[in-house]
Amino acid sequence: MTGLGTVAWPPAPIRTERLVLRESEARDRAAFIEMFASTEVHTYLGGARPRDELEHAVPEVPGRRPGLFVVELGGAMIGMVALDRRDAERPGHVRPEAGEAELGYTFLPEAWGHGYAAEACRAALAWFADASPGEPVVLCTQEANERSMRLAVKLGFTEVERFEEYGAEQWFGVVLGHGGRPPSP
């Protein structure tokens, strides 16, 4: 996430009832490659990348950057949650100066349907609310991505607008309430 300001990164690992959100480590490389190569995971993200290309391109410690949390279950990476600054040139903003914090998430297919994404996103949003009180968080997903749309609503995001980007209809929402925290389940 660019523009973290005075927020220290990485934070101590965040523990939820079932998960740990932490900074990326070398042991996560295989899971990152699996996610980037998965046609299921990348159905709404521009398509999967070839595994052999990823084996050469993915660094020894992938995803090590401010705002990116590896989501771990039972000692293994099952996904990632990221908070990044939304590019001012992209459509969809809730404030005139743009650059809002934007929530993104990707999980391995075997982690789908267990509530892990909601649990991890809530933890990341709570961390961000403490680090940047009152700052809105936005989320953009393809309207066709039903799972992601349901998660956005579950997390308390409210629709702001819809627009076309990347050749598909996009849903754009914001979460403002609870001091920047999403509502509890």
N, C-alpha and C. Protein backbone atom coordinates (compact mmCIF):
# COMPACT_ATOMS: atom_id res chain seq x y z
N MET A 1 0.86 -1.15 0.00
CA MET A 1 0.00 0.00 0.00
C MET A 1 0.91 1.22 0.00
N THR A 2 0.79 2.05 -0.97
CA THR A 2 1.59 3.26 -0.96
C THR A 2 0.93 4.26 -0.04
N GLY A 3 1.73 5.12 0.53
CA GLY A 3 1.17 6.15 1.37
C GLY A 3 0.68 5.66 2.71
N LEU A 4 1.39 4.72 3.33
CA LEU A 4 1.00 4.27 4.66
C LEU A 4 1.24 5.35 5.71
N GLY A 5 2.03 6.34 5.35
CA GLY A 5 2.31 7.41 6.30
C GLY A 5 3.05 6.89 7.51
N THR A 6 2.52 7.14 8.70
CA THR A 6 3.20 6.74 9.92
C THR A 6 2.84 5.34 10.38
N VAL A 7 2.03 4.63 9.62
CA VAL A 7 1.62 3.28 10.00
C VAL A 7 2.82 2.34 9.84
N ALA A 8 3.15 1.66 10.92
CA ALA A 8 4.28 0.72 10.89
C ALA A 8 3.90 -0.54 10.11
N TRP A 9 4.82 -0.99 9.29
CA TRP A 9 4.62 -2.23 8.54
C TRP A 9 5.87 -3.07 8.64
N PRO A 10 5.78 -4.35 8.82
CA PRO A 10 4.55 -5.12 8.99
C PRO A 10 4.06 -5.07 10.43
N PRO A 11 2.76 -5.20 10.60
CA PRO A 11 2.24 -5.29 11.97
C PRO A 11 2.54 -6.68 12.53
N ALA A 12 2.37 -6.84 13.80
CA ALA A 12 2.45 -8.18 14.39
C ALA A 12 1.38 -9.03 13.72
N PRO A 13 1.61 -10.34 13.62
CA PRO A 13 0.57 -11.19 13.03
C PRO A 13 -0.78 -10.97 13.71
N ILE A 14 -1.83 -10.97 12.90
CA ILE A 14 -3.19 -10.78 13.39
C ILE A 14 -3.83 -12.17 13.49
N ARG A 15 -4.33 -12.49 14.66
CA ARG A 15 -4.95 -13.80 14.87
C ARG A 15 -6.45 -13.64 15.00
N THR A 16 -7.18 -14.46 14.26
CA THR A 16 -8.63 -14.51 14.37
C THR A 16 -8.97 -15.86 15.00
N GLU A 17 -10.24 -16.19 15.02
CA GLU A 17 -10.64 -17.47 15.60
C GLU A 17 -9.95 -18.65 14.93
N ARG A 18 -9.81 -18.59 13.59
CA ARG A 18 -9.24 -19.73 12.86
C ARG A 18 -7.99 -19.41 12.06
N LEU A 19 -7.70 -18.14 11.85
CA LEU A 19 -6.68 -17.74 10.88
C LEU A 19 -5.58 -16.89 11.49
N VAL A 20 -4.49 -16.79 10.75
CA VAL A 20 -3.42 -15.85 11.06
C VAL A 20 -3.19 -15.02 9.80
N LEU A 21 -3.17 -13.69 9.96
CA LEU A 21 -2.81 -12.78 8.86
C LEU A 21 -1.42 -12.27 9.19
N ARG A 22 -0.49 -12.45 8.24
CA ARG A 22 0.90 -12.12 8.49
C ARG A 22 1.58 -11.69 7.20
N GLU A 23 2.82 -11.23 7.35
CA GLU A 23 3.62 -10.86 6.19
C GLU A 23 4.04 -12.13 5.45
N SER A 24 4.25 -12.00 4.16
CA SER A 24 4.67 -13.13 3.32
C SER A 24 6.05 -13.64 3.72
N GLU A 25 6.23 -14.94 3.53
CA GLU A 25 7.51 -15.61 3.79
C GLU A 25 7.85 -16.50 2.60
N ALA A 26 9.09 -16.96 2.54
CA ALA A 26 9.54 -17.81 1.43
C ALA A 26 8.69 -19.08 1.32
N ARG A 27 8.22 -19.61 2.43
CA ARG A 27 7.42 -20.84 2.41
C ARG A 27 6.07 -20.67 1.70
N ASP A 28 5.67 -19.44 1.41
CA ASP A 28 4.40 -19.16 0.75
C ASP A 28 4.49 -19.20 -0.77
N ARG A 29 5.69 -19.31 -1.31
CA ARG A 29 5.90 -19.20 -2.76
C ARG A 29 5.02 -20.17 -3.55
N ALA A 30 4.99 -21.42 -3.16
CA ALA A 30 4.21 -22.43 -3.90
C ALA A 30 2.72 -22.07 -3.92
N ALA A 31 2.19 -21.56 -2.81
CA ALA A 31 0.78 -21.19 -2.76
C ALA A 31 0.51 -19.97 -3.64
N PHE A 32 1.43 -19.01 -3.68
CA PHE A 32 1.27 -17.86 -4.57
C PHE A 32 1.22 -18.34 -6.02
N ILE A 33 2.13 -19.21 -6.39
CA ILE A 33 2.16 -19.73 -7.76
C ILE A 33 0.86 -20.46 -8.06
N GLU A 34 0.39 -21.27 -7.13
CA GLU A 34 -0.87 -21.99 -7.31
C GLU A 34 -2.03 -21.01 -7.54
N MET A 35 -2.09 -19.93 -6.76
CA MET A 35 -3.17 -18.96 -6.93
C MET A 35 -3.07 -18.26 -8.29
N PHE A 36 -1.88 -17.82 -8.68
CA PHE A 36 -1.71 -17.10 -9.94
C PHE A 36 -1.96 -18.00 -11.15
N ALA A 37 -1.72 -19.30 -11.00
CA ALA A 37 -1.89 -20.24 -12.11
C ALA A 37 -3.30 -20.84 -12.17
N SER A 38 -4.11 -20.60 -11.18
CA SER A 38 -5.45 -21.20 -11.10
C SER A 38 -6.45 -20.50 -12.02
N THR A 39 -7.04 -21.26 -12.92
CA THR A 39 -8.08 -20.70 -13.78
C THR A 39 -9.33 -20.36 -12.96
N GLU A 40 -9.61 -21.14 -11.91
CA GLU A 40 -10.76 -20.85 -11.05
C GLU A 40 -10.57 -19.52 -10.33
N VAL A 41 -9.40 -19.33 -9.73
CA VAL A 41 -9.13 -18.11 -8.96
C VAL A 41 -9.16 -16.89 -9.87
N HIS A 42 -8.65 -17.03 -11.08
CA HIS A 42 -8.51 -15.87 -11.96
C HIS A 42 -9.60 -15.74 -13.02
N THR A 43 -10.73 -16.39 -12.80
CA THR A 43 -11.86 -16.26 -13.72
C THR A 43 -12.24 -14.80 -13.92
N TYR A 44 -12.25 -14.01 -12.85
CA TYR A 44 -12.66 -12.61 -12.91
C TYR A 44 -11.49 -11.65 -12.73
N LEU A 45 -10.27 -12.17 -12.84
CA LEU A 45 -9.07 -11.36 -12.61
C LEU A 45 -8.15 -11.35 -13.82
N GLY A 46 -8.71 -11.49 -14.99
CA GLY A 46 -7.90 -11.41 -16.21
C GLY A 46 -7.30 -12.71 -16.68
N GLY A 47 -7.61 -13.81 -16.04
CA GLY A 47 -7.11 -15.11 -16.48
C GLY A 47 -5.85 -15.55 -15.75
N ALA A 48 -5.68 -16.85 -15.71
CA ALA A 48 -4.51 -17.44 -15.05
C ALA A 48 -3.25 -17.21 -15.88
N ARG A 49 -2.13 -17.28 -15.21
CA ARG A 49 -0.83 -17.18 -15.89
C ARG A 49 -0.22 -18.57 -15.98
N PRO A 50 0.59 -18.83 -17.01
CA PRO A 50 1.21 -20.15 -17.15
C PRO A 50 2.14 -20.47 -15.97
N ARG A 51 2.02 -21.68 -15.45
CA ARG A 51 2.80 -22.10 -14.28
C ARG A 51 4.30 -21.99 -14.53
N ASP A 52 4.78 -22.40 -15.73
CA ASP A 52 6.23 -22.34 -15.98
C ASP A 52 6.73 -20.89 -15.98
N GLU A 53 5.91 -19.97 -16.47
CA GLU A 53 6.26 -18.54 -16.43
C GLU A 53 6.34 -18.07 -14.98
N LEU A 54 5.39 -18.50 -14.17
CA LEU A 54 5.37 -18.11 -12.76
C LEU A 54 6.56 -18.66 -11.99
N GLU A 55 6.95 -19.89 -12.29
CA GLU A 55 8.10 -20.50 -11.61
C GLU A 55 9.35 -19.64 -11.77
N HIS A 56 9.47 -18.97 -12.92
CA HIS A 56 10.63 -18.10 -13.16
C HIS A 56 10.42 -16.68 -12.65
N ALA A 57 9.17 -16.21 -12.65
CA ALA A 57 8.90 -14.81 -12.35
C ALA A 57 8.63 -14.51 -10.87
N VAL A 58 8.05 -15.45 -10.15
CA VAL A 58 7.68 -15.19 -8.76
C VAL A 58 8.94 -15.19 -7.90
N PRO A 59 9.16 -14.11 -7.14
CA PRO A 59 10.37 -14.04 -6.31
C PRO A 59 10.37 -15.06 -5.18
N GLU A 60 11.51 -15.24 -4.58
CA GLU A 60 11.66 -16.20 -3.49
C GLU A 60 10.69 -15.90 -2.35
N VAL A 61 10.49 -14.61 -2.06
CA VAL A 61 9.50 -14.20 -1.05
C VAL A 61 8.49 -13.32 -1.78
N PRO A 62 7.43 -13.94 -2.30
CA PRO A 62 6.43 -13.18 -3.07
C PRO A 62 5.51 -12.36 -2.17
N GLY A 63 4.98 -11.29 -2.73
CA GLY A 63 3.97 -10.52 -2.02
C GLY A 63 4.45 -9.75 -0.82
N ARG A 64 5.73 -9.57 -0.69
CA ARG A 64 6.23 -8.84 0.48
C ARG A 64 6.19 -7.35 0.19
N ARG A 65 5.09 -6.74 0.63
CA ARG A 65 4.91 -5.31 0.45
C ARG A 65 3.92 -4.81 1.47
N PRO A 66 4.01 -3.54 1.84
CA PRO A 66 3.06 -3.00 2.81
C PRO A 66 1.62 -3.16 2.32
N GLY A 67 0.76 -3.61 3.22
CA GLY A 67 -0.66 -3.76 2.92
C GLY A 67 -1.08 -5.15 2.51
N LEU A 68 -0.12 -6.05 2.23
CA LEU A 68 -0.48 -7.39 1.80
C LEU A 68 -0.31 -8.37 2.96
N PHE A 69 -1.41 -9.02 3.31
CA PHE A 69 -1.41 -10.04 4.36
C PHE A 69 -1.56 -11.41 3.72
N VAL A 70 -0.70 -12.34 4.09
CA VAL A 70 -0.91 -13.74 3.77
C VAL A 70 -1.92 -14.25 4.78
N VAL A 71 -2.87 -15.05 4.33
CA VAL A 71 -3.86 -15.65 5.22
C VAL A 71 -3.47 -17.11 5.40
N GLU A 72 -3.25 -17.47 6.65
CA GLU A 72 -2.76 -18.80 6.99
C GLU A 72 -3.80 -19.56 7.82
N LEU A 73 -3.96 -20.83 7.49
CA LEU A 73 -4.84 -21.72 8.23
C LEU A 73 -4.03 -22.97 8.57
N GLY A 74 -3.91 -23.30 9.83
CA GLY A 74 -3.18 -24.50 10.23
C GLY A 74 -1.75 -24.52 9.73
N GLY A 75 -1.11 -23.38 9.66
CA GLY A 75 0.29 -23.30 9.24
C GLY A 75 0.53 -23.19 7.75
N ALA A 76 -0.54 -23.21 6.93
CA ALA A 76 -0.38 -23.14 5.47
C ALA A 76 -1.13 -21.94 4.91
N MET A 77 -0.56 -21.32 3.89
CA MET A 77 -1.20 -20.20 3.21
C MET A 77 -2.42 -20.69 2.44
N ILE A 78 -3.56 -20.01 2.65
CA ILE A 78 -4.78 -20.35 1.89
C ILE A 78 -5.25 -19.18 1.03
N GLY A 79 -4.63 -18.02 1.21
CA GLY A 79 -5.03 -16.86 0.43
C GLY A 79 -4.28 -15.62 0.85
N MET A 80 -4.75 -14.49 0.34
CA MET A 80 -4.15 -13.22 0.70
C MET A 80 -5.22 -12.14 0.70
N VAL A 81 -5.00 -11.14 1.53
CA VAL A 81 -5.86 -9.96 1.62
C VAL A 81 -4.93 -8.77 1.49
N ALA A 82 -5.32 -7.80 0.68
CA ALA A 82 -4.47 -6.63 0.48
C ALA A 82 -5.26 -5.35 0.61
N LEU A 83 -4.61 -4.35 1.13
CA LEU A 83 -5.12 -2.99 1.16
C LEU A 83 -4.13 -2.15 0.37
N ASP A 84 -4.58 -1.60 -0.74
CA ASP A 84 -3.75 -0.79 -1.64
C ASP A 84 -4.44 0.54 -1.86
N ARG A 85 -3.73 1.49 -2.40
CA ARG A 85 -4.32 2.77 -2.77
C ARG A 85 -4.91 2.63 -4.18
N ARG A 86 -6.14 3.02 -4.34
CA ARG A 86 -6.80 2.96 -5.65
C ARG A 86 -6.21 4.03 -6.54
N ASP A 87 -5.80 3.62 -7.72
CA ASP A 87 -5.19 4.52 -8.69
C ASP A 87 -6.18 5.61 -9.08
N ALA A 88 -5.73 6.85 -9.03
CA ALA A 88 -6.59 8.00 -9.31
C ALA A 88 -7.14 7.99 -10.74
N GLU A 89 -6.44 7.35 -11.68
CA GLU A 89 -6.88 7.32 -13.08
C GLU A 89 -8.00 6.31 -13.32
N ARG A 90 -8.18 5.38 -12.40
CA ARG A 90 -9.23 4.38 -12.57
C ARG A 90 -10.59 4.99 -12.22
N PRO A 91 -11.65 4.49 -12.81
CA PRO A 91 -12.99 4.96 -12.42
C PRO A 91 -13.31 4.47 -11.01
N GLY A 92 -14.25 5.14 -10.38
CA GLY A 92 -14.71 4.72 -9.06
C GLY A 92 -13.91 5.35 -7.94
N HIS A 93 -14.50 6.36 -7.30
CA HIS A 93 -13.88 7.00 -6.13
C HIS A 93 -14.98 7.57 -5.26
N VAL A 94 -14.70 7.70 -3.97
CA VAL A 94 -15.68 8.27 -3.05
C VAL A 94 -15.26 9.64 -2.52
N ARG A 95 -14.07 10.07 -2.86
CA ARG A 95 -13.64 11.39 -2.45
C ARG A 95 -12.90 12.07 -3.60
N PRO A 96 -12.97 13.36 -3.67
CA PRO A 96 -12.42 14.09 -4.83
C PRO A 96 -10.93 13.87 -5.05
N GLU A 97 -10.16 13.74 -3.98
CA GLU A 97 -8.71 13.58 -4.16
C GLU A 97 -8.31 12.15 -4.50
N ALA A 98 -9.26 11.22 -4.48
CA ALA A 98 -9.04 9.81 -4.82
C ALA A 98 -7.98 9.19 -3.92
N GLY A 99 -7.39 8.11 -4.35
CA GLY A 99 -6.35 7.44 -3.57
C GLY A 99 -6.87 6.72 -2.34
N GLU A 100 -8.14 6.32 -2.35
CA GLU A 100 -8.72 5.62 -1.21
C GLU A 100 -8.02 4.27 -1.01
N ALA A 101 -8.12 3.77 0.20
CA ALA A 101 -7.66 2.41 0.47
C ALA A 101 -8.65 1.46 -0.19
N GLU A 102 -8.11 0.48 -0.90
CA GLU A 102 -8.96 -0.49 -1.61
C GLU A 102 -8.65 -1.89 -1.12
N LEU A 103 -9.69 -2.61 -0.74
CA LEU A 103 -9.56 -3.98 -0.27
C LEU A 103 -9.59 -4.94 -1.44
N GLY A 104 -8.66 -5.87 -1.43
CA GLY A 104 -8.62 -6.95 -2.42
C GLY A 104 -8.34 -8.27 -1.70
N TYR A 105 -8.75 -9.37 -2.30
CA TYR A 105 -8.56 -10.67 -1.67
C TYR A 105 -8.54 -11.74 -2.75
N THR A 106 -7.76 -12.77 -2.48
CA THR A 106 -7.68 -13.93 -3.36
C THR A 106 -7.44 -15.15 -2.48
N PHE A 107 -8.21 -16.20 -2.71
CA PHE A 107 -8.07 -17.42 -1.92
C PHE A 107 -8.00 -18.64 -2.84
N LEU A 108 -7.28 -19.64 -2.40
CA LEU A 108 -7.23 -20.90 -3.14
C LEU A 108 -8.62 -21.54 -3.14
N PRO A 109 -9.00 -22.21 -4.22
CA PRO A 109 -10.36 -22.79 -4.31
C PRO A 109 -10.73 -23.70 -3.15
N GLU A 110 -9.78 -24.46 -2.62
CA GLU A 110 -10.13 -25.35 -1.50
C GLU A 110 -10.50 -24.59 -0.23
N ALA A 111 -10.22 -23.28 -0.19
CA ALA A 111 -10.58 -22.45 0.96
C ALA A 111 -11.94 -21.78 0.78
N TRP A 112 -12.53 -21.90 -0.39
CA TRP A 112 -13.81 -21.25 -0.68
C TRP A 112 -14.95 -21.93 0.09
N GLY A 113 -15.93 -21.13 0.48
CA GLY A 113 -17.15 -21.67 1.07
C GLY A 113 -17.07 -21.98 2.56
N HIS A 114 -15.99 -21.58 3.23
CA HIS A 114 -15.83 -21.86 4.66
C HIS A 114 -15.86 -20.59 5.52
N GLY A 115 -16.06 -19.43 4.89
CA GLY A 115 -16.08 -18.18 5.63
C GLY A 115 -14.71 -17.59 5.93
N TYR A 116 -13.66 -18.19 5.37
CA TYR A 116 -12.30 -17.70 5.64
C TYR A 116 -12.08 -16.29 5.06
N ALA A 117 -12.60 -16.05 3.88
CA ALA A 117 -12.40 -14.73 3.26
C ALA A 117 -13.06 -13.65 4.10
N ALA A 118 -14.28 -13.88 4.56
CA ALA A 118 -14.95 -12.89 5.40
C ALA A 118 -14.19 -12.67 6.70
N GLU A 119 -13.73 -13.74 7.32
CA GLU A 119 -12.99 -13.63 8.58
C GLU A 119 -11.68 -12.86 8.39
N ALA A 120 -10.96 -13.17 7.33
CA ALA A 120 -9.69 -12.50 7.06
C ALA A 120 -9.89 -11.04 6.68
N CYS A 121 -10.88 -10.77 5.84
CA CYS A 121 -11.14 -9.38 5.42
C CYS A 121 -11.58 -8.53 6.61
N ARG A 122 -12.43 -9.08 7.48
CA ARG A 122 -12.84 -8.33 8.67
C ARG A 122 -11.62 -7.97 9.53
N ALA A 123 -10.70 -8.92 9.69
CA ALA A 123 -9.51 -8.66 10.49
C ALA A 123 -8.63 -7.59 9.85
N ALA A 124 -8.46 -7.65 8.54
CA ALA A 124 -7.65 -6.64 7.84
C ALA A 124 -8.32 -5.27 7.92
N LEU A 125 -9.63 -5.22 7.76
CA LEU A 125 -10.35 -3.95 7.85
C LEU A 125 -10.28 -3.37 9.26
N ALA A 126 -10.36 -4.21 10.27
CA ALA A 126 -10.25 -3.73 11.65
C ALA A 126 -8.84 -3.18 11.91
N TRP A 127 -7.82 -3.88 11.40
CA TRP A 127 -6.44 -3.39 11.54
C TRP A 127 -6.32 -2.01 10.87
N PHE A 128 -6.88 -1.88 9.67
CA PHE A 128 -6.78 -0.62 8.94
C PHE A 128 -7.53 0.49 9.67
N ALA A 129 -8.70 0.17 10.24
CA ALA A 129 -9.48 1.17 10.97
C ALA A 129 -8.70 1.69 12.18
N ASP A 130 -7.94 0.81 12.82
CA ASP A 130 -7.11 1.25 13.95
C ASP A 130 -5.91 2.06 13.46
N ALA A 131 -5.34 1.67 12.33
CA ALA A 131 -4.15 2.35 11.80
C ALA A 131 -4.48 3.69 11.15
N SER A 132 -5.67 3.79 10.54
CA SER A 132 -6.10 5.01 9.83
C SER A 132 -7.55 5.31 10.17
N PRO A 133 -7.82 5.74 11.40
CA PRO A 133 -9.19 5.95 11.85
C PRO A 133 -9.99 6.87 10.92
N GLY A 134 -11.22 6.43 10.63
CA GLY A 134 -12.13 7.25 9.85
C GLY A 134 -11.92 7.22 8.35
N GLU A 135 -10.86 6.58 7.88
CA GLU A 135 -10.60 6.56 6.44
C GLU A 135 -11.50 5.52 5.77
N PRO A 136 -12.18 5.89 4.69
CA PRO A 136 -13.03 4.92 4.00
C PRO A 136 -12.20 3.86 3.29
N VAL A 137 -12.79 2.71 3.09
CA VAL A 137 -12.17 1.63 2.32
C VAL A 137 -13.14 1.30 1.19
N VAL A 138 -12.61 1.16 -0.02
CA VAL A 138 -13.43 0.83 -1.18
C VAL A 138 -13.13 -0.58 -1.65
N LEU A 139 -14.03 -1.10 -2.45
CA LEU A 139 -13.90 -2.44 -3.01
C LEU A 139 -14.52 -2.41 -4.40
N CYS A 140 -13.85 -3.02 -5.35
CA CYS A 140 -14.36 -3.11 -6.71
C CYS A 140 -14.29 -4.56 -7.15
N THR A 141 -15.39 -5.06 -7.70
CA THR A 141 -15.43 -6.44 -8.18
C THR A 141 -16.32 -6.51 -9.41
N GLN A 142 -16.07 -7.51 -10.23
CA GLN A 142 -16.94 -7.71 -11.38
C GLN A 142 -18.33 -8.09 -10.88
N GLU A 143 -19.33 -7.49 -11.49
CA GLU A 143 -20.71 -7.80 -11.13
C GLU A 143 -21.00 -9.29 -11.32
N ALA A 144 -20.35 -9.93 -12.27
CA ALA A 144 -20.58 -11.34 -12.54
C ALA A 144 -19.98 -12.25 -11.47
N ASN A 145 -19.10 -11.74 -10.64
CA ASN A 145 -18.45 -12.53 -9.60
C ASN A 145 -19.38 -12.59 -8.38
N GLU A 146 -20.29 -13.52 -8.40
CA GLU A 146 -21.32 -13.61 -7.36
C GLU A 146 -20.75 -13.81 -5.97
N ARG A 147 -19.71 -14.63 -5.85
CA ARG A 147 -19.10 -14.86 -4.53
C ARG A 147 -18.54 -13.56 -3.95
N SER A 148 -17.84 -12.82 -4.78
CA SER A 148 -17.24 -11.57 -4.33
C SER A 148 -18.32 -10.53 -4.01
N MET A 149 -19.38 -10.52 -4.78
CA MET A 149 -20.49 -9.60 -4.51
C MET A 149 -21.12 -9.92 -3.14
N ARG A 150 -21.33 -11.20 -2.86
CA ARG A 150 -21.92 -11.59 -1.57
C ARG A 150 -20.99 -11.21 -0.42
N LEU A 151 -19.67 -11.40 -0.62
CA LEU A 151 -18.71 -11.06 0.42
C LEU A 151 -18.72 -9.55 0.68
N ALA A 152 -18.79 -8.75 -0.36
CA ALA A 152 -18.81 -7.29 -0.20
C ALA A 152 -19.99 -6.87 0.67
N VAL A 153 -21.15 -7.44 0.42
CA VAL A 153 -22.34 -7.12 1.21
C VAL A 153 -22.17 -7.61 2.65
N LYS A 154 -21.65 -8.82 2.82
CA LYS A 154 -21.43 -9.38 4.15
C LYS A 154 -20.48 -8.51 4.97
N LEU A 155 -19.50 -7.90 4.30
CA LEU A 155 -18.52 -7.05 4.98
C LEU A 155 -19.06 -5.65 5.25
N GLY A 156 -20.24 -5.34 4.74
CA GLY A 156 -20.85 -4.04 5.01
C GLY A 156 -20.57 -2.98 3.97
N PHE A 157 -20.06 -3.36 2.81
CA PHE A 157 -19.83 -2.38 1.74
C PHE A 157 -21.16 -1.97 1.13
N THR A 158 -21.27 -0.69 0.84
CA THR A 158 -22.46 -0.13 0.23
C THR A 158 -22.12 0.28 -1.19
N GLU A 159 -22.99 -0.07 -2.12
CA GLU A 159 -22.75 0.28 -3.52
C GLU A 159 -22.72 1.79 -3.71
N VAL A 160 -21.71 2.24 -4.46
CA VAL A 160 -21.57 3.65 -4.82
C VAL A 160 -21.92 3.83 -6.28
N GLU A 161 -21.41 2.94 -7.12
CA GLU A 161 -21.69 3.04 -8.55
C GLU A 161 -21.31 1.74 -9.25
N ARG A 162 -21.71 1.67 -10.51
CA ARG A 162 -21.30 0.58 -11.41
C ARG A 162 -20.76 1.23 -12.66
N PHE A 163 -19.78 0.58 -13.25
CA PHE A 163 -19.16 1.12 -14.46
C PHE A 163 -18.49 -0.03 -15.21
N GLU A 164 -18.14 0.23 -16.44
CA GLU A 164 -17.45 -0.77 -17.25
C GLU A 164 -15.95 -0.52 -17.17
N GLU A 165 -15.22 -1.59 -16.91
CA GLU A 165 -13.76 -1.56 -16.89
C GLU A 165 -13.27 -2.96 -17.21
N TYR A 166 -12.18 -3.05 -17.92
CA TYR A 166 -11.61 -4.35 -18.32
C TYR A 166 -12.62 -5.19 -19.10
N GLY A 167 -13.51 -4.53 -19.84
CA GLY A 167 -14.47 -5.23 -20.67
C GLY A 167 -15.61 -5.90 -19.90
N ALA A 168 -15.83 -5.49 -18.64
CA ALA A 168 -16.89 -6.10 -17.84
C ALA A 168 -17.52 -5.05 -16.93
N GLU A 169 -18.76 -5.31 -16.54
CA GLU A 169 -19.46 -4.43 -15.60
C GLU A 169 -18.85 -4.61 -14.21
N GLN A 170 -18.48 -3.50 -13.57
CA GLN A 170 -17.85 -3.52 -12.25
C GLN A 170 -18.81 -2.95 -11.20
N TRP A 171 -18.76 -3.53 -10.02
CA TRP A 171 -19.50 -3.04 -8.86
C TRP A 171 -18.49 -2.36 -7.96
N PHE A 172 -18.80 -1.14 -7.51
CA PHE A 172 -17.88 -0.36 -6.69
C PHE A 172 -18.60 0.06 -5.43
N GLY A 173 -18.01 -0.27 -4.26
CA GLY A 173 -18.65 0.06 -3.00
C GLY A 173 -17.67 0.62 -1.98
N VAL A 174 -18.22 1.08 -0.87
CA VAL A 174 -17.43 1.68 0.20
C VAL A 174 -17.97 1.22 1.55
N VAL A 175 -17.09 1.10 2.51
CA VAL A 175 -17.49 0.85 3.89
C VAL A 175 -17.01 2.04 4.71
N LEU A 176 -17.94 2.66 5.42
CA LEU A 176 -17.63 3.87 6.19
C LEU A 176 -17.93 3.74 7.67
N GLY A 177 -18.97 3.00 8.01
CA GLY A 177 -19.48 2.98 9.37
C GLY A 177 -18.56 2.31 10.36
N HIS A 178 -18.98 2.36 11.61
CA HIS A 178 -18.26 1.71 12.71
C HIS A 178 -16.82 2.20 12.81
N GLY A 179 -16.62 3.51 12.59
CA GLY A 179 -15.27 4.06 12.67
C GLY A 179 -14.37 3.47 11.61
N GLY A 180 -14.95 3.10 10.46
CA GLY A 180 -14.17 2.48 9.40
C GLY A 180 -14.19 0.96 9.49
N ARG A 181 -14.78 0.42 10.56
CA ARG A 181 -14.84 -1.04 10.73
C ARG A 181 -16.10 -1.58 10.07
N PRO A 182 -16.00 -2.76 9.47
CA PRO A 182 -17.21 -3.39 8.95
C PRO A 182 -18.06 -3.89 10.12
N PRO A 183 -19.33 -4.06 9.88
CA PRO A 183 -20.18 -4.60 10.96
C PRO A 183 -19.78 -6.02 11.30
N SER A 184 -20.05 -6.43 12.51
CA SER A 184 -19.78 -7.80 12.94
C SER A 184 -20.78 -8.72 12.26
N PRO A 185 -20.45 -10.01 12.15
CA PRO A 185 -21.37 -10.95 11.50
C PRO A 185 -22.69 -11.08 12.21
